[in-house]
Amino acid sequence: MKIVIVGASGTLGRAVAAELEKQGEHELIRVGRHHGDLQVDLTDEASVDALFAYTGKVDAIIATMGNVFFGPLSGMTAENFSVGLQDKLLGQVRLALKGQHVLNDGGSITLTSGIIADEPIAQGVNATAVNAALAGFVKAAACELPRGLRINLVSPTMLTESEADYGAFFPGFESVPAARAAMAYRRSVEGIQSGQVFKVGY
C-alpha cells in the first residue's frame, strides 16, 4: 500500500511509521509541517491541495497531528478556542475531505483524537470539544464514503513518551507506549471496519 502519514516526525507518527514498516509491504510518504519527505500546513487549503497533487493516488491517509488550546475556562476567549478548531479539528477534516478524492478504491483515512474526548481534564475544554467533534465527523463520514472507502479514528490515552511534558495534566491516568498505540493504526489501515473509534489504553 502507498500510505501518507501526516505528522510523521512526531512521537506518535514515528511509532506508526515504524509499525507499518515492520513487514516491508507498505510504501510510506512521511509528511510534516517542517520535516519529512513532504511538507504541509493543514490549516491552508492550497497547501493540502499541493500535497495531494504531488502524491497522486494513494491507498491510505493517516493524520497523527493537531494542536489544541490548554487553559482555564474562566479566562478562555473565542480566539483561544479557535486554535483547536482551526488546527486539530478542521486540519484533519480538511485532510479527509481532500484526501477522499485521491484514495484508490477500498482506501482508508485514519484520524487521531485522544482520551480527553471521553475523560475531561482541567484546562482541557478545547481539547475535549475538538476530540469529540472528530468522533462525530468520522461516524457520519463513514456513512457517505463511496467506492468502499473507510474512515476511522484512533483515540489513545497519554503516551508514555509524553509523560514528562504532560503527566501533570493527567493525574491518575495510565499511559501507553506509542508503539502500542501505533497498532491501532495498522488495524484501521489493514482491517475492514469503518466509522470506528479505536480506543487505546482506556
N, C-alpha and C. Protein backbone atom coordinates (compact mmCIF):
# COMPACT_ATOMS: atom_id res chain seq x y z
N MET A 1 0.83 -1.20 0.00
CA MET A 1 0.00 0.00 0.00
C MET A 1 0.87 1.26 0.00
N LYS A 2 0.38 2.28 -0.65
CA LYS A 2 1.01 3.60 -0.63
C LYS A 2 0.29 4.42 0.43
N ILE A 3 1.00 4.78 1.50
CA ILE A 3 0.38 5.40 2.66
C ILE A 3 1.01 6.76 2.96
N VAL A 4 0.16 7.77 3.11
CA VAL A 4 0.60 9.10 3.52
C VAL A 4 0.40 9.23 5.03
N ILE A 5 1.47 9.58 5.75
CA ILE A 5 1.38 9.81 7.20
C ILE A 5 1.69 11.27 7.46
N VAL A 6 0.68 12.02 7.87
CA VAL A 6 0.86 13.43 8.21
C VAL A 6 1.09 13.54 9.70
N GLY A 7 2.20 14.17 10.07
CA GLY A 7 2.62 14.20 11.46
C GLY A 7 3.65 13.12 11.74
N ALA A 8 4.32 12.68 10.69
CA ALA A 8 5.22 11.52 10.78
C ALA A 8 6.46 11.77 11.62
N SER A 9 6.80 13.04 11.90
CA SER A 9 8.01 13.31 12.68
C SER A 9 7.72 13.39 14.18
N GLY A 10 6.45 13.36 14.57
CA GLY A 10 6.09 13.42 15.98
C GLY A 10 6.25 12.07 16.66
N THR A 11 6.08 12.05 17.97
CA THR A 11 6.26 10.82 18.74
C THR A 11 5.35 9.71 18.24
N LEU A 12 4.07 10.03 18.09
CA LEU A 12 3.11 9.03 17.62
C LEU A 12 3.34 8.69 16.15
N GLY A 13 3.58 9.70 15.34
CA GLY A 13 3.79 9.47 13.92
C GLY A 13 4.98 8.57 13.64
N ARG A 14 6.06 8.75 14.38
CA ARG A 14 7.24 7.89 14.20
C ARG A 14 6.92 6.45 14.55
N ALA A 15 6.14 6.28 15.61
CA ALA A 15 5.76 4.92 16.03
C ALA A 15 4.86 4.26 14.99
N VAL A 16 3.95 5.03 14.43
CA VAL A 16 3.05 4.49 13.40
C VAL A 16 3.86 4.07 12.17
N ALA A 17 4.79 4.92 11.77
CA ALA A 17 5.63 4.59 10.61
C ALA A 17 6.44 3.32 10.88
N ALA A 18 6.98 3.20 12.08
CA ALA A 18 7.77 2.01 12.43
C ALA A 18 6.90 0.75 12.40
N GLU A 19 5.67 0.85 12.89
CA GLU A 19 4.75 -0.29 12.90
C GLU A 19 4.42 -0.72 11.48
N LEU A 20 4.15 0.24 10.61
CA LEU A 20 3.74 -0.08 9.25
C LEU A 20 4.91 -0.52 8.37
N GLU A 21 6.13 -0.28 8.84
CA GLU A 21 7.32 -0.69 8.08
C GLU A 21 7.79 -2.09 8.46
N LYS A 22 7.21 -2.66 9.50
CA LYS A 22 7.73 -3.93 10.03
C LYS A 22 7.83 -5.03 8.98
N GLN A 23 6.80 -5.16 8.17
CA GLN A 23 6.78 -6.25 7.19
C GLN A 23 7.35 -5.84 5.83
N GLY A 24 7.60 -4.56 5.68
CA GLY A 24 8.17 -4.07 4.43
C GLY A 24 7.21 -4.07 3.25
N GLU A 25 5.89 -4.16 3.55
CA GLU A 25 4.93 -4.27 2.45
C GLU A 25 4.31 -2.94 2.04
N HIS A 26 4.60 -1.87 2.79
CA HIS A 26 3.98 -0.58 2.51
C HIS A 26 5.01 0.45 2.05
N GLU A 27 4.56 1.34 1.18
CA GLU A 27 5.37 2.48 0.76
C GLU A 27 4.87 3.69 1.55
N LEU A 28 5.72 4.24 2.40
CA LEU A 28 5.31 5.33 3.27
C LEU A 28 5.79 6.67 2.73
N ILE A 29 4.89 7.64 2.78
CA ILE A 29 5.24 9.03 2.46
C ILE A 29 5.09 9.81 3.75
N ARG A 30 6.22 10.21 4.33
CA ARG A 30 6.21 10.92 5.60
C ARG A 30 6.03 12.42 5.36
N VAL A 31 5.01 13.00 6.02
CA VAL A 31 4.67 14.40 5.81
C VAL A 31 4.65 15.12 7.14
N GLY A 32 5.18 16.32 7.18
CA GLY A 32 5.15 17.14 8.39
C GLY A 32 5.00 18.60 8.05
N ARG A 33 4.84 19.41 9.07
CA ARG A 33 4.74 20.85 8.82
C ARG A 33 6.09 21.41 8.39
N HIS A 34 7.16 20.87 9.00
CA HIS A 34 8.51 21.37 8.68
C HIS A 34 9.48 20.26 8.28
N HIS A 35 9.13 19.00 8.56
CA HIS A 35 10.04 17.89 8.30
C HIS A 35 9.34 16.81 7.47
N GLY A 36 10.14 15.85 7.02
CA GLY A 36 9.57 14.72 6.29
C GLY A 36 9.89 14.74 4.81
N ASP A 37 9.34 13.76 4.11
CA ASP A 37 9.51 13.70 2.65
C ASP A 37 8.84 14.89 1.98
N LEU A 38 7.69 15.29 2.54
CA LEU A 38 6.92 16.42 2.03
C LEU A 38 6.45 17.27 3.21
N GLN A 39 6.12 18.52 2.94
CA GLN A 39 5.61 19.40 3.98
C GLN A 39 4.19 19.85 3.65
N VAL A 40 3.38 20.08 4.70
CA VAL A 40 2.03 20.56 4.51
C VAL A 40 1.59 21.38 5.71
N ASP A 41 0.78 22.37 5.46
CA ASP A 41 0.13 23.13 6.52
C ASP A 41 -1.36 22.81 6.41
N LEU A 42 -1.88 22.02 7.33
CA LEU A 42 -3.27 21.58 7.22
C LEU A 42 -4.28 22.70 7.45
N THR A 43 -3.82 23.84 7.92
CA THR A 43 -4.73 24.99 8.07
C THR A 43 -4.87 25.77 6.77
N ASP A 44 -4.11 25.36 5.76
CA ASP A 44 -4.07 26.07 4.48
C ASP A 44 -4.60 25.15 3.37
N GLU A 45 -5.73 25.51 2.80
CA GLU A 45 -6.36 24.70 1.76
C GLU A 45 -5.43 24.44 0.58
N ALA A 46 -4.73 25.48 0.15
CA ALA A 46 -3.85 25.35 -1.01
C ALA A 46 -2.69 24.40 -0.72
N SER A 47 -2.22 24.40 0.52
CA SER A 47 -1.12 23.53 0.90
C SER A 47 -1.54 22.06 0.84
N VAL A 48 -2.76 21.77 1.28
CA VAL A 48 -3.27 20.39 1.22
C VAL A 48 -3.48 19.97 -0.24
N ASP A 49 -4.00 20.88 -1.04
CA ASP A 49 -4.16 20.58 -2.47
C ASP A 49 -2.81 20.25 -3.11
N ALA A 50 -1.80 21.03 -2.76
CA ALA A 50 -0.46 20.82 -3.33
C ALA A 50 0.11 19.48 -2.89
N LEU A 51 -0.16 19.09 -1.65
CA LEU A 51 0.33 17.80 -1.15
C LEU A 51 -0.21 16.66 -1.99
N PHE A 52 -1.52 16.65 -2.21
CA PHE A 52 -2.12 15.53 -2.93
C PHE A 52 -1.87 15.61 -4.44
N ALA A 53 -1.63 16.80 -4.95
CA ALA A 53 -1.23 16.92 -6.36
C ALA A 53 0.12 16.24 -6.57
N TYR A 54 0.96 16.30 -5.54
CA TYR A 54 2.29 15.70 -5.63
C TYR A 54 2.23 14.19 -5.40
N THR A 55 1.45 13.75 -4.40
CA THR A 55 1.43 12.32 -4.09
C THR A 55 0.70 11.50 -5.14
N GLY A 56 -0.32 12.11 -5.76
CA GLY A 56 -1.17 11.35 -6.66
C GLY A 56 -2.01 10.36 -5.88
N LYS A 57 -2.48 9.30 -6.53
CA LYS A 57 -3.34 8.32 -5.89
C LYS A 57 -2.60 7.57 -4.78
N VAL A 58 -3.30 7.36 -3.66
CA VAL A 58 -2.72 6.62 -2.54
C VAL A 58 -3.76 5.63 -2.01
N ASP A 59 -3.31 4.74 -1.14
CA ASP A 59 -4.20 3.72 -0.58
C ASP A 59 -4.68 4.04 0.84
N ALA A 60 -3.92 4.86 1.54
CA ALA A 60 -4.31 5.20 2.90
C ALA A 60 -3.72 6.55 3.29
N ILE A 61 -4.47 7.26 4.12
CA ILE A 61 -4.05 8.56 4.65
C ILE A 61 -4.19 8.50 6.16
N ILE A 62 -3.13 8.87 6.86
CA ILE A 62 -3.13 8.86 8.32
C ILE A 62 -2.74 10.24 8.83
N ALA A 63 -3.47 10.74 9.82
CA ALA A 63 -3.13 12.00 10.48
C ALA A 63 -2.82 11.72 11.94
N THR A 64 -1.64 12.12 12.39
CA THR A 64 -1.26 11.94 13.80
C THR A 64 -0.84 13.28 14.39
N MET A 65 -1.51 14.34 13.98
CA MET A 65 -1.09 15.67 14.39
C MET A 65 -2.29 16.51 14.83
N GLY A 66 -2.01 17.72 15.32
CA GLY A 66 -3.06 18.67 15.64
C GLY A 66 -2.83 19.35 16.97
N ASN A 67 -2.89 20.67 16.96
CA ASN A 67 -2.72 21.46 18.17
C ASN A 67 -4.07 21.87 18.74
N VAL A 68 -4.14 21.95 20.06
CA VAL A 68 -5.33 22.45 20.75
C VAL A 68 -4.87 23.47 21.80
N PHE A 69 -5.83 24.18 22.37
CA PHE A 69 -5.51 25.18 23.39
C PHE A 69 -5.77 24.60 24.77
N PHE A 70 -4.79 24.72 25.64
CA PHE A 70 -4.96 24.32 27.04
C PHE A 70 -4.95 25.57 27.91
N GLY A 71 -5.96 25.70 28.73
CA GLY A 71 -6.05 26.85 29.63
C GLY A 71 -7.36 26.83 30.37
N PRO A 72 -7.46 27.55 31.49
CA PRO A 72 -8.68 27.55 32.29
C PRO A 72 -9.86 28.18 31.55
N LEU A 73 -11.03 27.62 31.76
CA LEU A 73 -12.24 28.12 31.11
C LEU A 73 -12.51 29.57 31.49
N SER A 74 -12.18 29.94 32.73
CA SER A 74 -12.50 31.28 33.23
C SER A 74 -11.85 32.40 32.42
N GLY A 75 -10.71 32.10 31.81
CA GLY A 75 -10.03 33.13 31.02
C GLY A 75 -10.02 32.85 29.53
N MET A 76 -10.72 31.82 29.11
CA MET A 76 -10.70 31.42 27.70
C MET A 76 -11.49 32.39 26.84
N THR A 77 -10.94 32.68 25.67
CA THR A 77 -11.62 33.53 24.69
C THR A 77 -11.96 32.70 23.46
N ALA A 78 -12.81 33.27 22.62
CA ALA A 78 -13.15 32.58 21.37
C ALA A 78 -11.91 32.40 20.51
N GLU A 79 -10.99 33.34 20.59
CA GLU A 79 -9.74 33.23 19.82
C GLU A 79 -8.91 32.05 20.33
N ASN A 80 -8.85 31.90 21.65
CA ASN A 80 -8.15 30.73 22.22
C ASN A 80 -8.79 29.44 21.73
N PHE A 81 -10.11 29.39 21.81
CA PHE A 81 -10.84 28.18 21.44
C PHE A 81 -10.65 27.84 19.97
N SER A 82 -10.48 28.87 19.17
CA SER A 82 -10.32 28.67 17.73
C SER A 82 -9.03 27.94 17.38
N VAL A 83 -8.05 27.94 18.28
CA VAL A 83 -6.78 27.26 18.00
C VAL A 83 -7.02 25.80 17.65
N GLY A 84 -7.76 25.12 18.54
CA GLY A 84 -8.03 23.70 18.29
C GLY A 84 -8.96 23.47 17.12
N LEU A 85 -9.92 24.39 16.95
CA LEU A 85 -10.87 24.25 15.85
C LEU A 85 -10.17 24.33 14.50
N GLN A 86 -9.29 25.31 14.36
CA GLN A 86 -8.62 25.54 13.08
C GLN A 86 -7.52 24.53 12.80
N ASP A 87 -6.83 24.09 13.86
CA ASP A 87 -5.68 23.21 13.66
C ASP A 87 -6.07 21.73 13.72
N LYS A 88 -6.35 21.22 14.91
CA LYS A 88 -6.58 19.79 15.03
C LYS A 88 -7.89 19.33 14.40
N LEU A 89 -8.97 20.11 14.59
CA LEU A 89 -10.26 19.69 14.04
C LEU A 89 -10.34 19.94 12.55
N LEU A 90 -10.35 21.18 12.14
CA LEU A 90 -10.52 21.48 10.73
C LEU A 90 -9.33 21.01 9.90
N GLY A 91 -8.14 20.99 10.51
CA GLY A 91 -6.97 20.50 9.78
C GLY A 91 -7.14 19.04 9.37
N GLN A 92 -7.58 18.20 10.31
CA GLN A 92 -7.78 16.79 9.99
C GLN A 92 -9.01 16.59 9.09
N VAL A 93 -10.05 17.37 9.34
CA VAL A 93 -11.24 17.28 8.49
C VAL A 93 -10.88 17.68 7.06
N ARG A 94 -10.11 18.74 6.92
CA ARG A 94 -9.70 19.19 5.58
C ARG A 94 -8.89 18.09 4.88
N LEU A 95 -8.01 17.44 5.62
CA LEU A 95 -7.22 16.35 5.05
C LEU A 95 -8.12 15.23 4.55
N ALA A 96 -9.17 14.93 5.33
CA ALA A 96 -10.09 13.86 4.93
C ALA A 96 -10.94 14.27 3.73
N LEU A 97 -11.44 15.49 3.75
CA LEU A 97 -12.29 15.95 2.65
C LEU A 97 -11.54 15.97 1.33
N LYS A 98 -10.31 16.46 1.38
CA LYS A 98 -9.49 16.48 0.16
C LYS A 98 -8.98 15.08 -0.18
N GLY A 99 -8.61 14.35 0.85
CA GLY A 99 -7.98 13.05 0.64
C GLY A 99 -8.89 12.00 0.04
N GLN A 100 -10.18 12.09 0.31
CA GLN A 100 -11.10 11.09 -0.23
C GLN A 100 -11.02 11.00 -1.76
N HIS A 101 -10.66 12.10 -2.38
CA HIS A 101 -10.64 12.14 -3.85
C HIS A 101 -9.36 11.57 -4.46
N VAL A 102 -8.34 11.35 -3.63
CA VAL A 102 -7.10 10.76 -4.17
C VAL A 102 -6.92 9.32 -3.70
N LEU A 103 -7.86 8.80 -2.93
CA LEU A 103 -7.76 7.42 -2.47
C LEU A 103 -8.18 6.44 -3.57
N ASN A 104 -7.44 5.38 -3.68
CA ASN A 104 -7.85 4.29 -4.55
C ASN A 104 -9.06 3.59 -3.95
N ASP A 105 -9.82 2.88 -4.76
CA ASP A 105 -10.98 2.14 -4.26
C ASP A 105 -10.57 1.26 -3.08
N GLY A 106 -11.40 1.27 -2.03
CA GLY A 106 -11.09 0.47 -0.85
C GLY A 106 -10.08 1.10 0.09
N GLY A 107 -9.67 2.32 -0.21
CA GLY A 107 -8.68 3.01 0.62
C GLY A 107 -9.25 3.48 1.95
N SER A 108 -8.36 3.98 2.81
CA SER A 108 -8.81 4.37 4.15
C SER A 108 -8.19 5.68 4.60
N ILE A 109 -8.91 6.32 5.54
CA ILE A 109 -8.45 7.52 6.22
C ILE A 109 -8.47 7.22 7.71
N THR A 110 -7.40 7.55 8.41
CA THR A 110 -7.34 7.35 9.86
C THR A 110 -6.95 8.67 10.52
N LEU A 111 -7.84 9.19 11.35
CA LEU A 111 -7.59 10.44 12.07
C LEU A 111 -7.26 10.13 13.53
N THR A 112 -6.88 11.17 14.29
CA THR A 112 -6.44 10.98 15.67
C THR A 112 -7.14 11.95 16.61
N SER A 113 -7.67 11.41 17.70
CA SER A 113 -8.24 12.26 18.75
C SER A 113 -7.47 11.97 20.04
N GLY A 114 -8.16 11.58 21.12
CA GLY A 114 -7.47 11.29 22.36
C GLY A 114 -8.45 11.05 23.49
N ILE A 115 -7.96 10.54 24.58
CA ILE A 115 -8.78 10.15 25.72
C ILE A 115 -9.61 11.30 26.29
N ILE A 116 -9.14 12.54 26.09
CA ILE A 116 -9.84 13.69 26.64
C ILE A 116 -11.24 13.83 26.05
N ALA A 117 -11.49 13.23 24.89
CA ALA A 117 -12.85 13.26 24.33
C ALA A 117 -13.84 12.64 25.29
N ASP A 118 -13.40 11.63 26.05
CA ASP A 118 -14.28 10.89 26.96
C ASP A 118 -14.00 11.17 28.42
N GLU A 119 -12.78 11.62 28.72
CA GLU A 119 -12.37 11.84 30.11
C GLU A 119 -11.78 13.25 30.24
N PRO A 120 -12.63 14.26 30.48
CA PRO A 120 -12.14 15.64 30.56
C PRO A 120 -11.11 15.84 31.67
N ILE A 121 -10.20 16.77 31.44
CA ILE A 121 -9.20 17.14 32.43
C ILE A 121 -9.25 18.65 32.64
N ALA A 122 -8.64 19.11 33.72
CA ALA A 122 -8.58 20.55 33.98
C ALA A 122 -7.86 21.26 32.84
N GLN A 123 -8.39 22.36 32.42
CA GLN A 123 -7.83 23.21 31.36
C GLN A 123 -7.90 22.57 29.98
N GLY A 124 -8.74 21.54 29.86
CA GLY A 124 -8.79 20.81 28.59
C GLY A 124 -10.10 20.94 27.83
N VAL A 125 -10.87 22.01 28.08
CA VAL A 125 -12.18 22.17 27.43
C VAL A 125 -12.06 22.17 25.91
N ASN A 126 -11.09 22.90 25.41
CA ASN A 126 -10.91 22.96 23.95
C ASN A 126 -10.55 21.60 23.38
N ALA A 127 -9.66 20.89 24.07
CA ALA A 127 -9.24 19.56 23.60
C ALA A 127 -10.40 18.57 23.62
N THR A 128 -11.21 18.62 24.67
CA THR A 128 -12.36 17.71 24.75
C THR A 128 -13.35 17.97 23.62
N ALA A 129 -13.65 19.23 23.38
CA ALA A 129 -14.60 19.59 22.33
C ALA A 129 -14.10 19.17 20.96
N VAL A 130 -12.83 19.43 20.69
CA VAL A 130 -12.25 19.10 19.38
C VAL A 130 -12.22 17.59 19.16
N ASN A 131 -11.75 16.85 20.16
CA ASN A 131 -11.66 15.39 20.02
C ASN A 131 -13.03 14.75 19.87
N ALA A 132 -14.01 15.25 20.61
CA ALA A 132 -15.37 14.72 20.49
C ALA A 132 -15.95 15.03 19.11
N ALA A 133 -15.65 16.21 18.59
CA ALA A 133 -16.14 16.58 17.26
C ALA A 133 -15.55 15.68 16.18
N LEU A 134 -14.28 15.31 16.33
CA LEU A 134 -13.66 14.41 15.37
C LEU A 134 -14.37 13.06 15.35
N ALA A 135 -14.78 12.59 16.52
CA ALA A 135 -15.51 11.32 16.58
C ALA A 135 -16.83 11.42 15.84
N GLY A 136 -17.52 12.55 15.98
CA GLY A 136 -18.77 12.74 15.27
C GLY A 136 -18.57 12.81 13.77
N PHE A 137 -17.52 13.48 13.35
CA PHE A 137 -17.23 13.59 11.92
C PHE A 137 -16.98 12.21 11.31
N VAL A 138 -16.17 11.42 11.97
CA VAL A 138 -15.82 10.09 11.46
C VAL A 138 -17.05 9.19 11.38
N LYS A 139 -17.87 9.23 12.41
CA LYS A 139 -19.07 8.40 12.44
C LYS A 139 -19.99 8.73 11.27
N ALA A 140 -20.19 10.02 11.00
CA ALA A 140 -21.08 10.43 9.92
C ALA A 140 -20.45 10.24 8.55
N ALA A 141 -19.17 10.58 8.44
CA ALA A 141 -18.49 10.46 7.14
C ALA A 141 -18.46 9.02 6.65
N ALA A 142 -18.32 8.08 7.58
CA ALA A 142 -18.27 6.66 7.19
C ALA A 142 -19.55 6.22 6.47
N CYS A 143 -20.66 6.88 6.76
CA CYS A 143 -21.95 6.53 6.15
C CYS A 143 -22.04 6.97 4.69
N GLU A 144 -21.20 7.93 4.30
CA GLU A 144 -21.34 8.52 2.97
C GLU A 144 -20.18 8.23 2.02
N LEU A 145 -19.09 7.70 2.53
CA LEU A 145 -17.95 7.48 1.64
C LEU A 145 -18.27 6.43 0.58
N PRO A 146 -17.94 6.71 -0.67
CA PRO A 146 -18.22 5.76 -1.76
C PRO A 146 -17.05 4.82 -2.01
N ARG A 147 -17.19 3.94 -2.97
CA ARG A 147 -16.12 3.11 -3.54
C ARG A 147 -15.42 2.22 -2.51
N GLY A 148 -16.13 1.88 -1.44
CA GLY A 148 -15.51 1.03 -0.43
C GLY A 148 -14.50 1.74 0.44
N LEU A 149 -14.49 3.08 0.39
CA LEU A 149 -13.57 3.85 1.22
C LEU A 149 -13.99 3.75 2.69
N ARG A 150 -13.00 3.79 3.57
CA ARG A 150 -13.27 3.69 5.00
C ARG A 150 -12.62 4.85 5.74
N ILE A 151 -13.16 5.18 6.92
CA ILE A 151 -12.57 6.20 7.78
C ILE A 151 -12.74 5.77 9.23
N ASN A 152 -11.68 5.91 10.01
CA ASN A 152 -11.70 5.57 11.43
C ASN A 152 -10.93 6.62 12.22
N LEU A 153 -11.06 6.51 13.54
CA LEU A 153 -10.40 7.44 14.46
C LEU A 153 -9.66 6.62 15.50
N VAL A 154 -8.42 6.98 15.78
CA VAL A 154 -7.67 6.36 16.87
C VAL A 154 -7.63 7.35 18.03
N SER A 155 -8.00 6.87 19.21
CA SER A 155 -8.07 7.72 20.40
C SER A 155 -7.23 7.12 21.51
N PRO A 156 -5.96 7.50 21.60
CA PRO A 156 -5.11 6.93 22.64
C PRO A 156 -5.17 7.73 23.94
N THR A 157 -4.83 7.07 25.03
CA THR A 157 -4.59 7.79 26.27
C THR A 157 -3.23 8.48 26.17
N MET A 158 -2.78 9.09 27.25
CA MET A 158 -1.48 9.76 27.23
C MET A 158 -0.37 8.76 26.86
N LEU A 159 0.54 9.20 26.01
CA LEU A 159 1.65 8.34 25.61
C LEU A 159 2.73 8.35 26.70
N THR A 160 3.31 7.20 26.94
CA THR A 160 4.36 7.09 27.95
C THR A 160 5.51 8.05 27.64
N GLU A 161 5.82 8.19 26.37
CA GLU A 161 6.92 9.08 25.97
C GLU A 161 6.63 10.55 26.26
N SER A 162 5.37 10.88 26.49
CA SER A 162 4.99 12.28 26.73
C SER A 162 4.72 12.59 28.20
N GLU A 163 4.92 11.60 29.07
CA GLU A 163 4.62 11.80 30.48
C GLU A 163 5.39 12.95 31.11
N ALA A 164 6.65 13.10 30.75
CA ALA A 164 7.47 14.16 31.34
C ALA A 164 6.90 15.53 31.05
N ASP A 165 6.31 15.70 29.88
CA ASP A 165 5.77 17.00 29.48
C ASP A 165 4.32 17.20 29.90
N TYR A 166 3.53 16.14 29.87
CA TYR A 166 2.08 16.29 30.07
C TYR A 166 1.51 15.52 31.24
N GLY A 167 2.35 14.77 31.95
CA GLY A 167 1.86 13.96 33.05
C GLY A 167 1.09 14.72 34.10
N ALA A 168 1.50 15.96 34.37
CA ALA A 168 0.83 16.76 35.40
C ALA A 168 -0.62 17.08 35.04
N PHE A 169 -0.93 17.08 33.75
CA PHE A 169 -2.29 17.34 33.30
C PHE A 169 -3.19 16.10 33.43
N PHE A 170 -2.56 14.93 33.61
CA PHE A 170 -3.31 13.67 33.62
C PHE A 170 -3.09 12.90 34.93
N PRO A 171 -3.47 13.49 36.06
CA PRO A 171 -3.25 12.81 37.34
C PRO A 171 -4.04 11.51 37.44
N GLY A 172 -3.35 10.41 37.75
CA GLY A 172 -4.02 9.13 37.91
C GLY A 172 -4.30 8.39 36.63
N PHE A 173 -3.93 8.94 35.49
CA PHE A 173 -4.14 8.28 34.20
C PHE A 173 -2.97 7.33 33.91
N GLU A 174 -3.30 6.16 33.41
CA GLU A 174 -2.26 5.26 32.93
C GLU A 174 -1.83 5.71 31.54
N SER A 175 -0.57 5.49 31.24
CA SER A 175 -0.06 5.82 29.90
C SER A 175 0.18 4.55 29.10
N VAL A 176 0.33 4.71 27.80
CA VAL A 176 0.68 3.58 26.94
C VAL A 176 1.85 3.99 26.04
N PRO A 177 2.73 3.06 25.72
CA PRO A 177 3.82 3.36 24.79
C PRO A 177 3.25 3.71 23.41
N ALA A 178 3.93 4.59 22.72
CA ALA A 178 3.49 4.97 21.37
C ALA A 178 3.40 3.75 20.46
N ALA A 179 4.29 2.78 20.67
CA ALA A 179 4.28 1.58 19.83
C ALA A 179 2.99 0.80 19.98
N ARG A 180 2.41 0.82 21.18
CA ARG A 180 1.13 0.12 21.37
C ARG A 180 0.01 0.88 20.66
N ALA A 181 0.02 2.19 20.79
CA ALA A 181 -1.00 2.99 20.10
C ALA A 181 -0.91 2.81 18.60
N ALA A 182 0.31 2.63 18.10
CA ALA A 182 0.52 2.51 16.66
C ALA A 182 -0.17 1.28 16.08
N MET A 183 -0.37 0.26 16.88
CA MET A 183 -1.02 -0.94 16.38
C MET A 183 -2.46 -0.66 15.95
N ALA A 184 -3.10 0.33 16.57
CA ALA A 184 -4.47 0.67 16.20
C ALA A 184 -4.53 1.26 14.79
N TYR A 185 -3.46 1.92 14.38
CA TYR A 185 -3.42 2.49 13.04
C TYR A 185 -3.28 1.37 12.00
N ARG A 186 -2.51 0.35 12.32
CA ARG A 186 -2.43 -0.80 11.42
C ARG A 186 -3.81 -1.45 11.31
N ARG A 187 -4.49 -1.56 12.44
CA ARG A 187 -5.84 -2.15 12.45
C ARG A 187 -6.76 -1.36 11.54
N SER A 188 -6.65 -0.04 11.59
CA SER A 188 -7.52 0.81 10.76
C SER A 188 -7.17 0.68 9.28
N VAL A 189 -5.89 0.69 8.98
CA VAL A 189 -5.43 0.66 7.58
C VAL A 189 -5.66 -0.70 6.93
N GLU A 190 -5.34 -1.76 7.64
CA GLU A 190 -5.37 -3.09 7.03
C GLU A 190 -6.65 -3.87 7.33
N GLY A 191 -7.49 -3.35 8.21
CA GLY A 191 -8.72 -4.04 8.57
C GLY A 191 -9.87 -3.72 7.64
N ILE A 192 -11.09 -4.01 8.11
CA ILE A 192 -12.27 -3.80 7.27
C ILE A 192 -13.28 -2.85 7.88
N GLN A 193 -13.05 -2.42 9.12
CA GLN A 193 -14.05 -1.60 9.80
C GLN A 193 -14.01 -0.15 9.35
N SER A 194 -15.13 0.53 9.54
CA SER A 194 -15.24 1.94 9.19
C SER A 194 -16.17 2.64 10.19
N GLY A 195 -15.90 3.91 10.42
CA GLY A 195 -16.73 4.68 11.35
C GLY A 195 -16.44 4.37 12.81
N GLN A 196 -15.30 3.74 13.07
CA GLN A 196 -14.99 3.29 14.42
C GLN A 196 -14.04 4.24 15.14
N VAL A 197 -14.14 4.25 16.46
CA VAL A 197 -13.16 4.92 17.31
C VAL A 197 -12.37 3.81 18.01
N PHE A 198 -11.12 3.66 17.65
CA PHE A 198 -10.27 2.65 18.28
C PHE A 198 -9.60 3.28 19.50
N LYS A 199 -10.10 2.94 20.68
CA LYS A 199 -9.55 3.50 21.91
C LYS A 199 -8.38 2.65 22.38
N VAL A 200 -7.31 3.33 22.77
CA VAL A 200 -6.09 2.63 23.19
C VAL A 200 -5.73 3.06 24.61
N GLY A 201 -5.74 2.10 25.53
CA GLY A 201 -5.30 2.37 26.89
C GLY A 201 -6.37 2.81 27.83
N TYR A 202 -7.63 2.75 27.39
CA TYR A 202 -8.75 3.08 28.30
C TYR A 202 -10.03 2.46 27.80
